[in-house]
Protein backbone atom coordinates (compact mmCIF):
# COMPACT_ATOMS: atom_id res chain seq x y z
CA MET A 1 47.78 178.58 12.58
CA GLY A 2 44.41 177.15 11.73
CA PRO A 3 43.57 173.45 12.28
CA LEU A 4 44.09 172.62 8.60
CA GLY A 5 47.03 173.39 6.33
CA VAL A 6 47.81 173.16 2.63
CA GLY A 7 50.42 170.51 1.88
CA CYS A 8 52.41 171.20 -1.29
CA TRP A 9 54.06 167.85 -1.98
CA ARG A 10 51.91 167.61 -5.14
CA PHE A 11 52.32 171.27 -6.11
CA VAL A 12 53.86 170.33 -9.46
CA ALA A 13 53.12 169.44 -13.07
CA ARG A 14 50.11 171.73 -13.42
CA PRO A 15 49.50 175.20 -14.92
CA ASP A 16 50.06 178.15 -12.61
CA ASP A 17 46.42 179.17 -12.68
CA GLU A 18 45.39 175.77 -11.30
CA LEU A 19 48.07 175.83 -8.62
CA ARG A 20 47.11 179.36 -7.63
CA ALA A 21 43.45 178.30 -7.40
CA VAL A 22 44.39 175.59 -4.90
CA LEU A 23 46.43 178.02 -2.82
CA GLU A 24 43.74 180.70 -2.81
CA ALA A 25 41.02 178.18 -1.97
CA GLY A 26 42.99 176.95 1.03
CA LEU A 27 43.66 180.44 2.31
CA ASP A 28 40.04 181.45 1.84
CA LEU A 29 39.03 178.41 3.90
CA GLY A 30 41.32 179.45 6.77
CA MET A 31 44.16 177.04 5.92
CA ASN A 32 46.85 179.62 6.51
CA LEU A 33 49.73 177.18 7.01
CA VAL A 34 51.28 176.38 3.62
CA ASP A 35 53.82 173.57 3.95
CA THR A 36 56.35 172.61 1.29
CA ALA A 37 59.91 171.22 1.11
CA ASP A 38 62.94 171.50 -1.14
CA ILE A 39 62.65 167.81 -2.11
CA TYR A 40 59.10 168.22 -3.42
CA GLY A 41 59.28 167.99 -7.17
CA LEU A 42 60.86 164.54 -7.31
CA GLY A 43 57.53 162.76 -7.54
CA TRP A 44 53.86 163.24 -8.46
CA GLY A 45 54.84 164.20 -11.99
CA GLY A 46 57.45 166.74 -10.94
CA GLN A 47 60.71 166.87 -12.83
CA ALA A 48 63.26 168.32 -10.42
CA PHE A 49 64.38 168.93 -6.87
CA GLY A 50 62.94 172.27 -5.71
CA GLU A 51 60.16 172.37 -8.30
CA ALA A 52 57.30 172.77 -5.80
CA GLU A 53 59.11 175.64 -4.07
CA GLU A 54 59.80 177.29 -7.41
CA ASN A 55 56.15 177.00 -8.41
CA LEU A 56 54.99 178.43 -5.11
CA GLY A 57 57.54 181.24 -5.27
CA ARG A 58 56.49 182.21 -8.78
CA ILE A 59 52.82 182.34 -7.76
CA LEU A 60 53.61 184.42 -4.67
CA ALA A 61 55.69 186.83 -6.77
CA GLY A 62 52.71 187.31 -9.07
CA ALA A 63 50.28 187.85 -6.20
CA PRO A 64 52.19 189.39 -3.27
CA GLY A 65 49.07 189.69 -1.15
CA LEU A 66 48.93 185.92 -0.77
CA ARG A 67 52.25 185.82 1.11
CA GLU A 68 50.86 188.14 3.77
CA ARG A 69 47.99 185.75 4.46
CA MET A 70 50.04 182.63 5.16
CA VAL A 71 52.45 180.96 7.51
CA LEU A 72 55.04 179.81 4.99
CA ALA A 73 56.76 176.58 5.98
CA THR A 74 59.39 174.54 4.20
CA LYS A 75 61.82 171.77 4.99
CA GLY A 76 65.39 170.83 4.16
CA GLY A 77 67.99 168.18 4.89
CA ILE A 78 67.16 165.47 2.33
CA VAL A 79 69.87 165.17 -0.31
CA PRO A 80 69.09 162.70 -3.10
CA GLY A 81 71.65 159.90 -3.16
CA VAL A 82 73.09 160.64 0.30
CA PRO A 83 70.24 160.61 1.64
CA TYR A 84 70.41 163.08 4.57
CA ASN A 85 72.67 165.98 5.47
CA SER A 86 71.75 168.37 8.27
CA GLY A 87 75.28 169.57 8.88
CA ARG A 88 75.95 173.25 9.49
CA ASP A 89 76.95 174.17 5.96
CA ALA A 90 74.41 171.90 4.28
CA ILE A 91 71.39 173.21 6.19
CA THR A 92 72.48 176.82 5.81
CA ALA A 93 72.87 176.36 2.04
CA ALA A 94 69.57 174.45 1.78
CA CYS A 95 67.66 177.18 3.59
CA GLU A 96 69.19 179.94 1.48
CA ALA A 97 68.31 178.02 -1.68
CA SER A 98 64.72 177.66 -0.46
CA LEU A 99 64.54 181.39 0.16
CA ARG A 100 65.59 182.03 -3.42
CA ARG A 101 63.13 179.54 -4.89
CA LEU A 102 60.29 180.86 -2.73
CA ARG A 103 61.21 184.47 -3.60
CA THR A 104 60.86 185.58 -0.01
CA ASP A 105 63.13 187.27 2.53
CA VAL A 106 62.08 185.07 5.43
CA ILE A 107 60.64 181.60 5.97
CA ASP A 108 58.11 181.55 8.80
CA LEU A 109 58.77 177.93 9.78
CA TYR A 110 61.89 176.03 8.73
CA GLN A 111 61.93 172.30 9.46
CA ILE A 112 64.55 169.57 9.33
CA HIS A 113 62.82 167.12 7.02
CA ARG A 114 64.23 163.85 8.37
CA PRO A 115 66.74 163.10 11.11
CA ASP A 116 70.34 162.99 9.98
CA MET A 117 71.90 160.40 12.26
CA LEU A 118 75.42 161.46 11.28
CA THR A 119 75.13 165.11 12.38
CA HIS A 120 75.47 165.99 16.04
CA PRO A 121 72.39 167.91 17.23
CA ALA A 122 74.63 170.68 18.54
CA GLU A 123 75.89 171.33 15.00
CA MET A 124 72.34 171.25 13.64
CA ALA A 125 71.27 173.67 16.36
CA GLU A 126 74.14 176.01 15.51
CA ALA A 127 73.02 176.19 11.89
CA LEU A 128 69.37 176.80 12.79
CA SER A 129 70.26 179.40 15.40
CA GLY A 130 72.43 181.22 12.89
CA LEU A 131 69.64 181.31 10.32
CA ARG A 132 67.21 182.62 12.92
CA THR A 133 69.61 185.27 14.19
CA ALA A 134 70.18 186.39 10.60
CA GLY A 135 66.43 186.88 10.17
CA LYS A 136 66.14 184.25 7.45
CA ILE A 137 63.75 182.06 9.43
CA ARG A 138 61.30 182.84 12.21
CA GLU A 139 60.57 179.49 13.85
CA VAL A 140 62.08 176.01 13.73
CA GLY A 141 60.48 172.59 13.60
CA VAL A 142 61.34 168.97 12.92
CA SER A 143 59.74 166.35 10.72
CA ASN A 144 59.73 162.55 11.16
CA PHE A 145 61.83 162.82 14.34
CA THR A 146 61.39 160.42 17.23
CA PRO A 147 60.71 162.07 20.60
CA ARG A 148 64.31 161.36 21.67
CA GLN A 149 65.72 162.91 18.49
CA HIS A 150 63.45 165.91 19.04
CA GLU A 151 64.66 166.29 22.62
CA ALA A 152 68.31 165.94 21.61
CA LEU A 153 68.03 168.85 19.19
CA ALA A 154 65.92 170.92 21.58
CA ALA A 155 68.56 170.56 24.29
CA HIS A 156 71.06 172.49 22.13
CA LEU A 157 68.77 175.26 20.90
CA PRO A 158 68.52 178.63 22.69
CA PHE A 159 64.82 178.77 21.76
CA ALA A 160 61.98 176.26 21.73
CA LEU A 161 61.08 174.08 18.79
CA ALA A 162 57.73 175.24 17.46
CA THR A 163 56.49 172.17 15.60
CA THR A 164 57.01 168.51 14.88
CA GLN A 165 55.65 166.83 11.76
CA PRO A 166 54.80 163.13 12.14
CA GLU A 167 52.72 160.90 9.91
CA TYR A 168 49.42 160.57 11.76
CA SER A 169 46.04 159.30 10.66
CA ALA A 170 43.34 156.83 11.60
CA ALA A 171 45.41 154.27 9.67
CA HIS A 172 48.76 155.24 11.24
CA LEU A 173 48.58 155.72 15.00
CA ALA A 174 52.28 155.60 15.89
CA PRO A 175 52.39 159.16 17.34
CA LEU A 176 49.75 158.06 19.87
CA ARG A 177 51.99 155.27 21.07
CA ASP A 178 55.57 156.46 20.65
CA GLY A 179 55.38 159.59 22.79
CA THR A 180 55.31 162.15 19.97
CA LEU A 181 51.95 163.67 20.88
CA ASP A 182 52.72 163.43 24.60
CA LEU A 183 55.90 165.45 24.03
CA CYS A 184 53.86 168.05 22.13
CA MET A 185 51.46 168.45 25.04
CA ARG A 186 54.30 168.62 27.57
CA ASP A 187 56.28 171.27 25.72
CA GLY A 188 53.60 173.21 23.84
CA VAL A 189 54.85 172.01 20.44
CA VAL A 190 52.35 172.03 17.56
CA PRO A 191 52.06 168.67 15.76
CA LEU A 192 51.66 168.96 11.99
CA ALA A 193 50.09 165.71 10.81
CA TRP A 194 51.16 164.63 7.35
CA SER A 195 49.13 162.12 5.35
CA PRO A 196 46.00 162.51 7.54
CA LEU A 197 44.09 160.42 4.98
CA GLY A 198 46.64 157.63 5.01
CA GLY A 199 47.95 158.47 1.57
CA GLY A 200 44.39 158.47 0.24
CA ARG A 201 43.59 154.99 1.55
CA LEU A 202 41.02 156.33 3.99
CA ALA A 203 39.26 158.17 1.18
CA ASP A 204 39.16 155.45 -1.46
CA GLY A 205 39.32 152.44 0.87
CA SER A 206 42.31 150.84 -0.82
CA GLY A 207 44.43 148.78 1.55
CA ALA A 208 42.67 150.00 4.71
CA ARG A 209 41.25 147.68 7.36
CA PRO A 210 37.62 146.84 6.56
CA ASP A 211 36.68 147.31 10.23
CA LEU A 212 38.22 150.78 10.21
CA LEU A 213 36.39 151.75 7.05
CA ALA A 214 33.15 150.48 8.58
CA VAL A 215 33.54 152.70 11.64
CA LEU A 216 34.45 155.73 9.54
CA ASP A 217 31.47 155.07 7.26
CA ARG A 218 29.12 154.75 10.23
CA LEU A 219 30.27 158.07 11.65
CA ALA A 220 30.15 159.68 8.20
CA ALA A 221 26.54 158.58 7.72
CA ARG A 222 25.63 159.96 11.12
CA GLU A 223 27.26 163.32 10.35
CA GLY A 224 26.14 163.55 6.73
CA VAL A 225 29.66 163.76 5.29
CA ASP A 226 32.03 161.37 3.53
CA ARG A 227 34.51 159.18 5.36
CA ALA A 228 37.49 161.36 4.45
CA VAL A 229 35.99 164.24 6.44
CA VAL A 230 35.60 161.97 9.47
CA ALA A 231 39.20 160.77 9.05
CA VAL A 232 40.46 164.35 9.18
CA ALA A 233 38.21 165.10 12.15
CA PHE A 234 39.78 162.13 13.94
CA VAL A 235 43.23 163.73 13.58
CA LEU A 236 41.92 167.06 14.87
CA ALA A 237 40.26 165.42 17.90
CA HIS A 238 43.51 164.77 19.78
CA PRO A 239 44.12 167.17 22.70
CA ALA A 240 47.57 168.05 21.34
CA LYS A 241 45.65 170.08 18.71
CA PRO A 242 47.28 168.76 15.55
CA VAL A 243 47.19 170.68 12.30
CA ALA A 244 46.16 168.32 9.48
CA LEU A 245 48.13 168.94 6.27
CA LEU A 246 45.92 168.32 3.25
CA GLY A 247 47.64 167.34 0.04
CA THR A 248 44.72 167.45 -2.36
CA GLN A 249 45.17 169.71 -5.35
CA ARG A 250 41.44 170.17 -5.97
CA PRO A 251 39.82 173.31 -4.52
CA GLU A 252 36.44 171.61 -4.22
CA ARG A 253 38.03 168.78 -2.25
CA LEU A 254 39.68 171.25 0.12
CA ALA A 255 36.27 172.82 0.71
CA ARG A 256 34.75 169.45 1.51
CA LEU A 257 37.54 168.42 3.86
CA ALA A 258 37.22 171.76 5.66
CA LEU A 259 33.93 170.42 7.03
CA ALA A 260 36.06 168.40 9.45
CA THR A 261 36.57 171.49 11.60
CA GLY A 262 32.83 171.48 12.38
CA LEU A 263 32.62 167.82 13.40
CA GLN A 264 32.63 167.03 17.10
CA LEU A 265 33.70 163.42 17.51
CA ASP A 266 33.13 162.33 21.11
CA ARG A 267 35.34 160.09 23.22
CA ASN A 268 33.49 156.93 22.19
CA ASP A 269 33.82 157.83 18.49
CA VAL A 270 37.58 158.35 18.72
CA TYR A 271 38.18 155.17 20.70
CA ASP A 272 36.03 153.23 18.24
CA VAL A 273 38.31 154.44 15.44
CA ILE A 274 41.45 153.53 17.39
CA GLU A 275 40.21 150.02 18.17
CA ALA A 276 39.16 149.42 14.60
CA SER A 277 42.51 150.70 13.31
CA GLU A 278 44.52 148.47 15.62
CA GLY A 279 42.20 145.49 15.26
CA ALA A 280 41.93 144.93 18.99
CA ARG A 281 39.89 146.08 21.93
CA LEU A 282 41.67 148.40 24.32
CA PRO A 283 42.27 146.86 27.75
């Protein structure tokens, strides 16, 4: 996988030609991880559960060559009104429904979207192992899991977890502090950082710490880019080698954010961002 991925949580409520343009732009820029989920569609103008997967599947059916260029990732386990069910039957059914919506025979990376505290990890592992043995999924990951929840599932799997997907940005540093990124480095797990721009706050400045914005702006001026590019470069700078999932649905914005892969933030730069984000000097 490349250092940047295309996040499809807003892959709804637009004509197919516009959605395809976003997908093709990302792939052309080396963003070969395409990450969606069955719940995407209930938000951002979408009308139904599964809508983003259906849109992506329809586009892939119309342009089969695109599927060969990507690592196709999706997630399951959120059930509106429940809210979570990662039991054996539920996850198996969710994955099979995703396969149908995506119009593919195999999902490259299948992730449990959020931890289901009422399913034993052994049962979850049984479902995931069965899907993998059946050739319906290639690799398994988790999303929004604590390190302990990650380890509990991993202990029951006959293969290693490939990825974990935490929220991580210059405005949300929890994975630095809670052990998530340390676990990734220990076990060779790839972190997939969702909301690397803090839900857009680091791009437009809304609700972000003024000191943090000032540091990002200083580095952006030095590098000749905008602050959003620096914010993505901050995510990429961690030695766990995160993949930043970009949710923009504008091809030109994807091209601009791709400049982050060419930025080399040094140790002082990264620690300046951390201190500004937390509002305190490091000891």
